[in-house]
Amino acid sequence: MSLQRLIEEHVDSVFLNTSHFAETVLRYAGGDRSNATSLTAIVTWHPTDKTEARGQGYVRKADMLVNDSVTITPADAFKVGTIRMEVESVDPPDDGALMVHLIQYEADAKGVRKAGDI
């Protein structure tokens, strides 16, 4: 058995095990909150950045590793913890897993401390 095949067979039982690395997230198919399903994923957060793309605000990005049997479209949204994020892009399946890149924009509110402020 090849290493690649061994990894593919153990994506769920080893890597996407909530007792070890993974967590449960909600998937909103088509971005619709009434069409929610839960799935197991490994979420890796990027530092929060300030942006002026849509006015003063903050952008949070994360990479999410899921089993390649899950169908994800750019129209989907995810709730990771308490944060709702949109799909920025989806990489092709690799070794039994799928990498989904997520993004969330949060407008700056005057007088309210936000992530990234000291």
N, C-alpha and C. Protein backbone atom coordinates (compact mmCIF):
# COMPACT_ATOMS: atom_id res chain seq x y z
N MET A 1 0.86 -1.18 0.00
CA MET A 1 0.00 0.00 0.00
C MET A 1 0.90 1.24 0.00
N SER A 2 0.58 2.21 -0.83
CA SER A 2 1.38 3.42 -0.92
C SER A 2 1.07 4.36 0.24
N LEU A 3 2.01 5.25 0.54
CA LEU A 3 1.81 6.23 1.60
C LEU A 3 0.61 7.13 1.28
N GLN A 4 0.48 7.52 0.01
CA GLN A 4 -0.64 8.36 -0.39
C GLN A 4 -1.97 7.68 -0.08
N ARG A 5 -2.10 6.41 -0.42
CA ARG A 5 -3.33 5.66 -0.16
C ARG A 5 -3.59 5.53 1.33
N LEU A 6 -2.54 5.31 2.11
CA LEU A 6 -2.65 5.20 3.56
C LEU A 6 -3.15 6.51 4.17
N ILE A 7 -2.62 7.62 3.69
CA ILE A 7 -3.07 8.94 4.17
C ILE A 7 -4.53 9.16 3.82
N GLU A 8 -4.92 8.86 2.58
CA GLU A 8 -6.30 9.05 2.13
C GLU A 8 -7.27 8.26 3.00
N GLU A 9 -6.89 7.04 3.39
CA GLU A 9 -7.78 6.20 4.19
C GLU A 9 -7.90 6.68 5.64
N HIS A 10 -6.94 7.49 6.10
CA HIS A 10 -6.94 7.91 7.50
C HIS A 10 -7.27 9.39 7.70
N VAL A 11 -7.74 10.07 6.67
CA VAL A 11 -8.08 11.49 6.82
C VAL A 11 -9.09 11.68 7.94
N ASP A 12 -10.19 10.92 7.93
CA ASP A 12 -11.22 11.07 8.96
C ASP A 12 -10.79 10.54 10.32
N SER A 13 -10.24 9.34 10.36
CA SER A 13 -9.96 8.71 11.65
C SER A 13 -8.77 9.31 12.39
N VAL A 14 -7.84 9.93 11.69
CA VAL A 14 -6.66 10.49 12.36
C VAL A 14 -6.69 12.02 12.33
N PHE A 15 -6.67 12.60 11.15
CA PHE A 15 -6.53 14.05 11.04
C PHE A 15 -7.81 14.80 11.44
N LEU A 16 -8.97 14.29 11.03
CA LEU A 16 -10.23 14.98 11.31
C LEU A 16 -10.92 14.41 12.55
N ASN A 17 -10.14 14.03 13.52
CA ASN A 17 -10.64 13.49 14.78
C ASN A 17 -10.78 14.65 15.76
N THR A 18 -12.00 14.89 16.26
CA THR A 18 -12.23 16.03 17.16
C THR A 18 -11.54 15.86 18.51
N SER A 19 -11.09 14.67 18.83
CA SER A 19 -10.34 14.46 20.07
C SER A 19 -8.90 14.94 19.92
N HIS A 20 -8.46 15.20 18.69
CA HIS A 20 -7.07 15.58 18.46
C HIS A 20 -6.97 16.98 17.88
N PHE A 21 -7.16 17.13 16.58
CA PHE A 21 -6.90 18.40 15.91
C PHE A 21 -8.15 19.12 15.43
N ALA A 22 -9.17 18.40 15.12
CA ALA A 22 -10.32 18.95 14.40
C ALA A 22 -11.38 19.55 15.32
N GLU A 23 -12.28 20.29 14.71
CA GLU A 23 -13.43 20.85 15.42
C GLU A 23 -14.66 20.74 14.52
N THR A 24 -15.82 20.89 15.11
CA THR A 24 -17.07 20.84 14.35
C THR A 24 -17.42 22.25 13.91
N VAL A 25 -17.73 22.41 12.62
CA VAL A 25 -18.16 23.69 12.06
C VAL A 25 -19.51 23.50 11.39
N LEU A 26 -20.23 24.59 11.20
CA LEU A 26 -21.50 24.54 10.49
C LEU A 26 -21.30 25.01 9.06
N ARG A 27 -21.88 24.29 8.14
CA ARG A 27 -21.85 24.67 6.72
C ARG A 27 -23.24 25.15 6.34
N TYR A 28 -23.32 26.37 5.80
CA TYR A 28 -24.56 26.91 5.28
C TYR A 28 -24.51 26.76 3.76
N ALA A 29 -25.16 25.74 3.23
CA ALA A 29 -25.17 25.49 1.79
C ALA A 29 -25.78 26.68 1.07
N GLY A 30 -25.06 27.21 0.11
CA GLY A 30 -25.53 28.38 -0.63
C GLY A 30 -25.60 29.64 0.21
N GLY A 31 -24.99 29.61 1.41
CA GLY A 31 -25.03 30.75 2.31
C GLY A 31 -26.32 30.86 3.10
N ASP A 32 -27.22 29.89 2.94
CA ASP A 32 -28.55 29.92 3.56
C ASP A 32 -28.50 29.32 4.97
N ARG A 33 -28.79 30.13 5.99
CA ARG A 33 -28.75 29.67 7.38
C ARG A 33 -29.76 28.56 7.67
N SER A 34 -30.83 28.49 6.89
CA SER A 34 -31.83 27.44 7.12
C SER A 34 -31.40 26.10 6.51
N ASN A 35 -30.30 26.10 5.77
CA ASN A 35 -29.79 24.87 5.15
C ASN A 35 -28.41 24.55 5.75
N ALA A 36 -28.39 24.32 7.06
CA ALA A 36 -27.13 24.11 7.78
C ALA A 36 -26.87 22.63 8.06
N THR A 37 -25.62 22.24 7.90
CA THR A 37 -25.16 20.91 8.26
C THR A 37 -23.84 21.06 9.00
N SER A 38 -23.54 20.12 9.88
CA SER A 38 -22.27 20.20 10.60
C SER A 38 -21.28 19.24 9.95
N LEU A 39 -20.01 19.61 10.02
CA LEU A 39 -18.95 18.75 9.53
C LEU A 39 -17.70 18.98 10.37
N THR A 40 -16.78 18.07 10.25
CA THR A 40 -15.54 18.13 11.01
C THR A 40 -14.45 18.71 10.12
N ALA A 41 -13.66 19.63 10.70
CA ALA A 41 -12.62 20.31 9.92
C ALA A 41 -11.47 20.71 10.82
N ILE A 42 -10.33 20.92 10.21
CA ILE A 42 -9.20 21.53 10.90
C ILE A 42 -9.12 22.96 10.38
N VAL A 43 -9.23 23.92 11.28
CA VAL A 43 -9.24 25.33 10.90
C VAL A 43 -7.93 25.98 11.36
N THR A 44 -7.25 26.63 10.42
CA THR A 44 -6.02 27.35 10.71
C THR A 44 -6.26 28.83 10.44
N TRP A 45 -6.11 29.65 11.47
CA TRP A 45 -6.40 31.08 11.36
C TRP A 45 -5.17 31.87 10.92
N HIS A 46 -5.40 32.91 10.13
CA HIS A 46 -4.37 33.86 9.74
C HIS A 46 -4.53 35.10 10.61
N PRO A 47 -3.49 35.90 10.77
CA PRO A 47 -3.63 37.14 11.55
C PRO A 47 -4.69 38.06 10.94
N THR A 48 -5.40 38.77 11.80
CA THR A 48 -6.41 39.73 11.35
C THR A 48 -5.70 40.95 10.77
N ASP A 49 -6.17 41.41 9.62
CA ASP A 49 -5.58 42.58 8.95
C ASP A 49 -6.58 43.70 8.84
N LYS A 50 -6.08 44.94 8.93
CA LYS A 50 -6.92 46.10 8.65
C LYS A 50 -7.08 46.21 7.15
N THR A 51 -8.22 46.74 6.73
CA THR A 51 -8.47 46.92 5.29
C THR A 51 -9.32 48.17 5.09
N GLU A 52 -9.18 48.76 3.92
CA GLU A 52 -10.03 49.88 3.53
C GLU A 52 -10.74 49.56 2.22
N ALA A 53 -10.79 48.26 1.88
CA ALA A 53 -11.42 47.83 0.63
C ALA A 53 -12.90 48.17 0.58
N ARG A 54 -13.57 48.08 1.72
CA ARG A 54 -15.01 48.41 1.79
C ARG A 54 -15.23 49.39 2.93
N GLY A 55 -14.38 50.39 3.03
CA GLY A 55 -14.41 51.30 4.16
C GLY A 55 -13.46 50.75 5.23
N GLN A 56 -13.29 51.48 6.30
CA GLN A 56 -12.39 51.05 7.37
C GLN A 56 -12.94 49.78 8.02
N GLY A 57 -12.11 48.76 8.13
CA GLY A 57 -12.58 47.52 8.74
C GLY A 57 -11.45 46.52 8.90
N TYR A 58 -11.84 45.27 9.14
CA TYR A 58 -10.90 44.19 9.41
C TYR A 58 -11.25 42.97 8.56
N VAL A 59 -10.22 42.25 8.13
CA VAL A 59 -10.41 41.02 7.36
C VAL A 59 -9.79 39.89 8.16
N ARG A 60 -10.59 38.85 8.38
CA ARG A 60 -10.09 37.63 8.99
C ARG A 60 -10.09 36.55 7.92
N LYS A 61 -9.00 35.79 7.86
CA LYS A 61 -8.91 34.69 6.91
C LYS A 61 -8.57 33.42 7.67
N ALA A 62 -9.01 32.30 7.10
CA ALA A 62 -8.71 30.99 7.69
C ALA A 62 -8.65 29.96 6.57
N ASP A 63 -7.86 28.93 6.79
CA ASP A 63 -7.83 27.78 5.89
C ASP A 63 -8.51 26.63 6.62
N MET A 64 -9.35 25.90 5.92
CA MET A 64 -10.11 24.82 6.53
C MET A 64 -9.89 23.53 5.74
N LEU A 65 -9.40 22.51 6.41
CA LEU A 65 -9.17 21.20 5.80
C LEU A 65 -10.36 20.30 6.13
N VAL A 66 -11.00 19.75 5.08
CA VAL A 66 -12.13 18.84 5.26
C VAL A 66 -11.90 17.59 4.40
N ASN A 67 -12.70 16.57 4.62
CA ASN A 67 -12.63 15.36 3.82
C ASN A 67 -13.05 15.69 2.39
N ASP A 68 -12.39 15.10 1.40
CA ASP A 68 -12.71 15.42 0.01
C ASP A 68 -14.06 14.88 -0.45
N SER A 69 -14.75 14.12 0.40
CA SER A 69 -16.09 13.65 0.06
C SER A 69 -17.14 14.74 0.25
N VAL A 70 -16.77 15.84 0.91
CA VAL A 70 -17.68 16.96 1.15
C VAL A 70 -17.71 17.85 -0.09
N THR A 71 -18.91 18.20 -0.54
CA THR A 71 -19.05 19.10 -1.68
C THR A 71 -19.19 20.52 -1.16
N ILE A 72 -18.27 21.39 -1.59
CA ILE A 72 -18.28 22.78 -1.15
C ILE A 72 -18.23 23.66 -2.39
N THR A 73 -19.09 24.69 -2.40
CA THR A 73 -19.14 25.62 -3.52
C THR A 73 -18.76 27.02 -3.02
N PRO A 74 -18.36 27.91 -3.92
CA PRO A 74 -18.04 29.29 -3.53
C PRO A 74 -19.22 30.04 -2.92
N ALA A 75 -20.44 29.56 -3.12
CA ALA A 75 -21.62 30.22 -2.56
C ALA A 75 -21.86 29.84 -1.10
N ASP A 76 -21.16 28.82 -0.60
CA ASP A 76 -21.37 28.35 0.77
C ASP A 76 -20.77 29.33 1.78
N ALA A 77 -21.24 29.21 3.01
CA ALA A 77 -20.69 29.96 4.14
C ALA A 77 -20.49 28.98 5.28
N PHE A 78 -19.64 29.34 6.23
CA PHE A 78 -19.36 28.48 7.37
C PHE A 78 -19.40 29.28 8.65
N LYS A 79 -19.81 28.63 9.72
CA LYS A 79 -19.75 29.24 11.04
C LYS A 79 -18.69 28.47 11.83
N VAL A 80 -17.59 29.15 12.12
CA VAL A 80 -16.48 28.57 12.86
C VAL A 80 -16.50 29.22 14.23
N GLY A 81 -16.85 28.45 15.24
CA GLY A 81 -17.06 29.04 16.56
C GLY A 81 -18.25 29.98 16.48
N THR A 82 -18.01 31.27 16.72
CA THR A 82 -19.08 32.26 16.63
C THR A 82 -18.97 33.13 15.40
N ILE A 83 -17.99 32.85 14.55
CA ILE A 83 -17.71 33.70 13.39
C ILE A 83 -18.24 33.07 12.11
N ARG A 84 -19.07 33.84 11.39
CA ARG A 84 -19.56 33.40 10.08
C ARG A 84 -18.55 33.85 9.02
N MET A 85 -18.15 32.92 8.17
CA MET A 85 -17.15 33.22 7.14
C MET A 85 -17.66 32.77 5.78
N GLU A 86 -17.21 33.46 4.75
CA GLU A 86 -17.57 33.13 3.38
C GLU A 86 -16.43 32.35 2.73
N VAL A 87 -16.77 31.56 1.72
CA VAL A 87 -15.76 30.82 0.97
C VAL A 87 -15.07 31.79 0.01
N GLU A 88 -13.76 31.88 0.12
CA GLU A 88 -12.97 32.71 -0.80
C GLU A 88 -12.54 31.87 -2.01
N SER A 89 -12.10 30.62 -1.75
CA SER A 89 -11.73 29.71 -2.83
C SER A 89 -11.64 28.29 -2.28
N VAL A 90 -11.64 27.32 -3.19
CA VAL A 90 -11.53 25.91 -2.83
C VAL A 90 -10.45 25.29 -3.70
N ASP A 91 -9.45 24.66 -3.07
CA ASP A 91 -8.39 23.98 -3.81
C ASP A 91 -8.88 22.63 -4.30
N PRO A 92 -8.25 22.09 -5.33
CA PRO A 92 -8.61 20.74 -5.79
C PRO A 92 -8.31 19.71 -4.70
N PRO A 93 -9.06 18.60 -4.66
CA PRO A 93 -8.82 17.55 -3.66
C PRO A 93 -7.38 17.03 -3.75
N ASP A 94 -6.80 16.71 -2.59
CA ASP A 94 -5.43 16.21 -2.54
C ASP A 94 -5.30 15.24 -1.38
N ASP A 95 -4.90 14.02 -1.65
CA ASP A 95 -4.65 12.99 -0.62
C ASP A 95 -5.86 12.77 0.29
N GLY A 96 -7.06 12.80 -0.27
CA GLY A 96 -8.26 12.52 0.51
C GLY A 96 -8.81 13.71 1.27
N ALA A 97 -8.20 14.88 1.08
CA ALA A 97 -8.64 16.08 1.79
C ALA A 97 -8.88 17.22 0.81
N LEU A 98 -9.60 18.22 1.29
CA LEU A 98 -9.94 19.38 0.49
C LEU A 98 -9.60 20.62 1.32
N MET A 99 -8.89 21.59 0.74
CA MET A 99 -8.55 22.83 1.45
C MET A 99 -9.49 23.93 0.99
N VAL A 100 -10.18 24.53 1.96
CA VAL A 100 -11.13 25.61 1.69
C VAL A 100 -10.57 26.87 2.33
N HIS A 101 -10.53 27.95 1.58
CA HIS A 101 -10.02 29.23 2.08
C HIS A 101 -11.22 30.11 2.41
N LEU A 102 -11.27 30.57 3.66
CA LEU A 102 -12.41 31.35 4.16
C LEU A 102 -12.00 32.79 4.44
N ILE A 103 -12.99 33.69 4.38
CA ILE A 103 -12.73 35.10 4.64
C ILE A 103 -13.94 35.71 5.34
N GLN A 104 -13.67 36.69 6.21
CA GLN A 104 -14.75 37.42 6.87
C GLN A 104 -14.34 38.88 6.95
N TYR A 105 -15.24 39.76 6.59
CA TYR A 105 -15.01 41.19 6.68
C TYR A 105 -15.85 41.73 7.83
N GLU A 106 -15.24 42.58 8.65
CA GLU A 106 -15.96 43.21 9.75
C GLU A 106 -15.70 44.70 9.70
N ALA A 107 -16.76 45.50 9.60
CA ALA A 107 -16.62 46.96 9.53
C ALA A 107 -16.15 47.49 10.87
N ASP A 108 -15.38 48.57 10.83
CA ASP A 108 -14.90 49.22 12.05
C ASP A 108 -16.03 50.04 12.64
N ALA A 109 -16.20 49.92 13.93
CA ALA A 109 -17.21 50.73 14.63
C ALA A 109 -16.48 51.73 15.49
N LYS A 110 -16.76 53.01 15.32
CA LYS A 110 -16.07 54.06 16.08
C LYS A 110 -16.33 53.89 17.58
N GLY A 111 -15.24 54.00 18.33
CA GLY A 111 -15.35 53.93 19.77
C GLY A 111 -15.39 52.51 20.31
N VAL A 112 -15.35 51.52 19.45
CA VAL A 112 -15.40 50.14 19.90
C VAL A 112 -14.05 49.49 19.58
N ARG A 113 -13.48 48.85 20.56
CA ARG A 113 -12.18 48.20 20.33
C ARG A 113 -12.39 46.95 19.49
N LYS A 114 -11.56 46.78 18.49
CA LYS A 114 -11.65 45.64 17.58
C LYS A 114 -10.37 44.84 17.59
N ALA A 115 -10.40 43.67 16.99
CA ALA A 115 -9.20 42.85 16.88
C ALA A 115 -8.11 43.62 16.19
N GLY A 116 -6.91 43.49 16.69
CA GLY A 116 -5.78 44.20 16.10
C GLY A 116 -5.46 45.50 16.82
N ASP A 117 -6.40 46.04 17.61
CA ASP A 117 -6.13 47.26 18.38
C ASP A 117 -5.32 46.91 19.63
N ILE A 118 -4.48 47.83 20.04
CA ILE A 118 -3.69 47.62 21.27
C ILE A 118 -4.24 48.50 22.36
